[in-house]
């Protein structure tokens, strides 16, 4: 029997209300209501949300002497971009959200030693940079956010157009296997096939800075647009 496959799609971030049981367990402040937070506003939390380095060595292993230019799309605020920047290659980092790009540009300006990284706004399906790259990276299940065959096809054509003649294209995909026997290290950290369908499940909570705390939870459904990763953000000012 064929295994069911699951595709992740990130939904909105929201502030927790004072009625949330989890909120009262992690802080003593008061929050009035729910506030939807867009992908744009999420940019300020991305560096704290995505902190793992498990793929760093694997991706760097493709940087051979023949590789002088790298494209990463989408880049977020540069989790892996800053890792690849130390290779000495010329890097172009692209994300569709201008605020993500702005945060990455700030990291580039403050990096030591200075990085040869250019951050640009662009879409995976319509990218047109008029240049080619020796290595193209599409990290962390990002390609699987494209939930239609047409969008996937357009993205592949766009990537092909930017790949040099002997270039390498790496697209990080997850099998999202429904079988509990699937290798655990191949699953995203937010995916567990043993969890019940359609039920929100708590992942973790973290401190973004002195004033902001946030948590992530997700739910999974057995359909093409199944997985939902929905961070919830708690914001408050610490008292003396």
Protein backbone atom coordinates (compact mmCIF):
# COMPACT_ATOMS: atom_id res chain seq x y z
CA UNK A 1 0.00 0.00 0.00
CA UNK A 2 1.32 3.43 -0.91
CA UNK A 3 2.22 5.72 2.00
CA UNK A 4 0.42 9.02 2.45
CA UNK A 5 2.57 12.09 1.97
CA UNK A 6 2.19 15.34 3.86
CA UNK A 7 3.12 18.82 2.68
CA UNK A 8 3.81 21.63 5.20
CA UNK A 9 2.35 25.12 4.90
CA UNK A 10 3.06 27.82 7.45
CA UNK A 11 0.08 29.74 8.76
CA UNK A 12 -0.13 33.01 10.64
CA UNK A 13 1.46 33.84 13.97
CA UNK A 14 -0.84 35.06 16.71
CA UNK A 15 -0.48 36.58 20.15
CA UNK A 16 -1.75 34.42 22.98
CA UNK A 17 -4.71 35.79 24.92
CA UNK A 18 -4.88 35.86 28.72
CA UNK A 19 -7.32 32.94 28.54
CA UNK A 20 -4.70 30.57 27.14
CA UNK A 21 -3.65 27.85 29.63
CA UNK A 22 -0.18 27.71 28.13
CA UNK A 23 0.29 31.43 28.50
CA UNK A 24 -0.40 31.42 32.22
CA UNK A 25 2.11 28.60 32.60
CA UNK A 26 4.99 30.57 31.07
CA UNK A 27 4.45 34.09 32.35
CA UNK A 28 2.53 36.16 34.88
CA UNK A 29 1.66 39.15 32.67
CA UNK A 30 -1.70 39.99 31.10
CA UNK A 31 -2.59 39.92 27.41
CA UNK A 32 -5.91 41.33 26.22
CA UNK A 33 -6.69 39.61 22.91
CA UNK A 34 -5.46 37.74 19.84
CA UNK A 35 -3.53 39.64 17.16
CA UNK A 36 -2.68 38.08 13.79
CA UNK A 37 0.95 38.51 12.77
CA UNK A 38 1.96 38.36 9.12
CA UNK A 39 5.02 36.74 7.53
CA UNK A 40 6.44 40.25 7.31
CA UNK A 41 6.16 40.81 11.06
CA UNK A 42 7.51 37.34 11.73
CA UNK A 43 10.88 38.43 10.32
CA UNK A 44 11.95 39.85 13.67
CA UNK A 45 11.61 36.36 15.21
CA UNK A 46 13.09 34.23 12.45
CA UNK A 47 16.64 34.14 13.80
CA UNK A 48 15.35 32.90 17.15
CA UNK A 49 12.90 30.46 15.57
CA UNK A 50 15.32 28.75 13.18
CA UNK A 51 18.51 28.03 15.10
CA UNK A 52 19.53 24.49 14.17
CA UNK A 53 22.68 23.79 12.20
CA UNK A 54 22.13 20.13 11.34
CA UNK A 55 22.40 20.72 7.58
CA UNK A 56 25.36 23.13 7.63
CA UNK A 57 28.15 20.62 7.03
CA UNK A 58 26.16 18.80 4.35
CA UNK A 59 25.49 21.98 2.37
CA UNK A 60 29.05 23.22 2.73
CA UNK A 61 30.32 19.89 1.36
CA UNK A 62 29.08 20.94 -2.09
CA UNK A 63 31.34 23.99 -2.13
CA UNK A 64 34.21 22.61 -4.19
CA UNK A 65 36.94 24.65 -5.91
CA UNK A 66 34.67 24.73 -8.97
CA UNK A 67 31.97 26.60 -7.03
CA UNK A 68 32.42 30.36 -6.88
CA UNK A 69 28.81 31.56 -6.81
CA UNK A 70 25.82 30.48 -4.72
CA UNK A 71 22.11 31.29 -4.84
CA UNK A 72 19.88 30.53 -1.86
CA UNK A 73 16.13 30.94 -2.17
CA UNK A 74 14.22 31.46 0.04
CA UNK A 75 16.77 32.79 2.48
CA UNK A 76 14.65 33.99 5.41
CA UNK A 77 16.91 36.15 7.55
CA UNK A 78 20.00 34.14 6.70
CA UNK A 79 20.19 31.07 8.93
CA UNK A 80 22.21 29.15 6.32
CA UNK A 81 23.31 32.15 4.26
CA UNK A 82 25.63 33.33 7.01
CA UNK A 83 27.02 29.80 7.25
CA UNK A 84 27.76 29.68 3.52
CA UNK A 85 29.17 33.21 3.59
CA UNK A 86 32.30 31.92 5.32
CA UNK A 87 33.17 29.84 2.23
CA UNK A 88 34.37 32.93 0.40
CA UNK A 89 31.94 32.41 -2.47
CA UNK A 90 29.84 35.17 -3.96
CA UNK A 91 26.32 34.65 -2.60
CA UNK A 92 22.92 35.97 -3.62
CA UNK A 93 20.19 35.43 -1.03
CA UNK A 94 16.57 35.88 -2.13
CA UNK A 95 13.30 35.98 -0.20
CA UNK A 96 9.86 37.13 -1.28
CA UNK A 97 9.35 39.20 1.89
CA UNK A 98 11.16 42.59 1.91
CA UNK A 99 11.26 42.60 5.71
CA UNK A 100 13.15 39.28 5.75
CA UNK A 101 15.61 40.78 3.29
CA UNK A 102 15.99 43.90 5.44
CA UNK A 103 16.86 41.85 8.52
CA UNK A 104 19.36 39.82 6.49
CA UNK A 105 20.97 42.99 5.15
CA UNK A 106 21.47 44.15 8.74
CA UNK A 107 23.19 40.86 9.57
CA UNK A 108 25.40 41.19 6.51
CA UNK A 109 26.46 44.74 7.44
CA UNK A 110 27.36 43.71 10.98
CA UNK A 111 29.12 40.44 10.06
CA UNK A 112 32.84 40.04 10.69
CA UNK A 113 34.69 39.50 8.51
CA UNK A 114 32.60 41.25 5.89
CA UNK A 115 30.57 38.86 3.75
CA UNK A 116 30.26 38.80 -0.02
CA UNK A 117 26.46 38.44 0.16
CA UNK A 118 23.79 40.31 -1.76
CA UNK A 119 20.23 40.13 -0.41
CA UNK A 120 17.36 40.59 -2.87
CA UNK A 121 13.57 40.40 -2.94
CA UNK A 122 12.24 37.78 -5.33
CA UNK A 123 9.82 34.90 -5.81
CA UNK A 124 10.82 31.29 -6.41
CA UNK A 125 8.38 30.93 -9.31
CA UNK A 126 9.24 34.15 -11.17
CA UNK A 127 12.90 34.80 -10.36
CA UNK A 128 14.87 36.54 -13.09
CA UNK A 129 18.31 37.70 -11.99
CA UNK A 130 19.97 37.56 -15.42
CA UNK A 131 22.87 35.54 -14.02
CA UNK A 132 23.76 31.92 -13.32
CA UNK A 133 25.19 30.19 -10.25
CA UNK A 134 27.42 27.19 -9.61
CA UNK A 135 25.34 26.10 -6.62
CA UNK A 136 21.65 26.75 -5.93
CA UNK A 137 20.08 25.90 -2.58
CA UNK A 138 16.36 25.64 -1.77
CA UNK A 139 16.49 24.78 1.94
CA UNK A 140 14.27 23.28 4.62
CA UNK A 141 11.16 22.01 2.80
CA UNK A 142 10.61 25.47 1.29
CA UNK A 143 9.89 23.98 -2.13
CA UNK A 144 7.02 22.01 -0.61
CA UNK A 145 5.25 25.23 0.28
CA UNK A 146 4.36 25.33 -3.42
CA UNK A 147 1.14 23.35 -3.30
CA UNK A 148 0.19 23.33 -6.99
CA UNK A 149 1.87 21.46 -9.83
CA UNK A 150 1.94 24.62 -11.93
CA UNK A 151 3.79 26.60 -9.24
CA UNK A 152 6.25 23.73 -8.75
CA UNK A 153 6.87 23.54 -12.49
CA UNK A 154 7.44 27.29 -12.77
CA UNK A 155 9.85 27.21 -9.84
CA UNK A 156 11.89 24.41 -11.41
CA UNK A 157 12.08 26.26 -14.71
CA UNK A 158 13.15 29.41 -12.87
CA UNK A 159 15.88 27.53 -11.01
CA UNK A 160 17.10 25.84 -14.19
CA UNK A 161 17.46 29.25 -15.85
CA UNK A 162 19.82 30.35 -13.06
CA UNK A 163 21.97 27.22 -12.96
CA UNK A 164 25.37 27.27 -14.64
CA UNK A 165 26.24 24.57 -17.19
CA UNK A 166 27.94 22.35 -14.62
CA UNK A 167 26.06 23.74 -11.66
CA UNK A 168 24.43 21.83 -8.80
CA UNK A 169 20.85 22.32 -7.64
CA UNK A 170 19.95 21.13 -4.13
CA UNK A 171 16.29 21.09 -3.09
CA UNK A 172 15.77 19.96 0.50
CA UNK A 173 12.58 17.86 0.57
CA UNK A 174 10.96 15.88 3.34
CA UNK A 175 9.17 12.59 2.61
CA UNK A 176 6.52 13.44 5.25
CA UNK A 177 5.86 9.73 5.45
CA UNK A 178 2.80 8.67 7.41
CA UNK A 179 4.64 5.52 8.44
CA UNK A 180 6.16 5.70 11.95
CA UNK A 181 8.96 3.52 10.56
CA UNK A 182 10.26 6.39 8.40
CA UNK A 183 13.67 7.60 9.48
CA UNK A 184 13.26 10.15 12.26
CA UNK A 185 16.23 12.26 11.15
CA UNK A 186 14.61 12.76 7.74
CA UNK A 187 11.54 14.43 9.22
CA UNK A 188 11.25 18.16 9.94
CA UNK A 189 11.34 18.90 13.66
CA UNK A 190 7.66 19.91 13.57
CA UNK A 191 6.46 16.65 11.99
CA UNK A 192 5.47 13.48 13.86
CA UNK A 193 3.23 10.94 12.07
CA UNK A 194 2.12 9.53 15.43
CA UNK A 195 0.27 12.73 16.33
CA UNK A 196 -3.50 12.87 15.70
CA UNK A 197 -4.70 14.59 12.53
CA UNK A 198 -6.17 18.07 12.83
CA UNK A 199 -5.10 18.63 16.44
CA UNK A 200 -2.82 21.51 17.40
CA UNK A 201 0.41 20.22 18.97
CA UNK A 202 2.93 22.20 20.99
CA UNK A 203 6.52 22.25 19.65
CA UNK A 204 8.51 24.60 21.84
CA UNK A 205 8.71 28.04 23.40
CA UNK A 206 11.68 30.41 23.19
CA UNK A 207 12.89 33.82 24.23
CA UNK A 208 13.40 36.14 21.25
CA UNK A 209 14.78 39.02 23.30
CA UNK A 210 14.32 40.66 26.70
CA UNK A 211 10.71 41.55 25.94
CA UNK A 212 9.46 38.94 23.48
CA UNK A 213 8.69 35.31 24.10
CA UNK A 214 7.09 33.03 21.53
CA UNK A 215 6.07 29.44 21.01
CA UNK A 216 5.37 27.25 18.00
CA UNK A 217 2.67 24.68 17.50
CA UNK A 218 1.35 22.88 14.44
CA UNK A 219 -1.31 20.53 13.18
CA UNK A 220 -1.24 17.89 10.47
CA UNK A 221 -3.95 16.72 8.05
CA UNK A 222 -3.71 13.88 5.50
CA UNK A 223 -3.95 16.04 2.37
CA UNK A 224 -1.61 17.84 -0.03
CA UNK A 225 -1.73 21.07 1.97
CA UNK A 226 -1.64 19.15 5.20
CA UNK A 227 0.99 20.34 7.62
CA UNK A 228 0.55 23.59 9.46
CA UNK A 229 3.34 25.21 11.45
CA UNK A 230 1.71 28.02 13.42
CA UNK A 231 4.02 29.99 15.73
CA UNK A 232 2.29 31.87 18.54
CA UNK A 233 4.01 34.93 19.92
CA UNK A 234 3.69 36.34 23.43
CA UNK A 235 4.86 39.92 23.88
CA UNK A 236 5.14 41.80 27.14
CA UNK A 237 7.38 44.24 28.98
CA UNK A 238 9.24 42.95 31.98
CA UNK A 239 8.69 44.86 35.18
CA UNK A 240 11.41 45.79 37.65
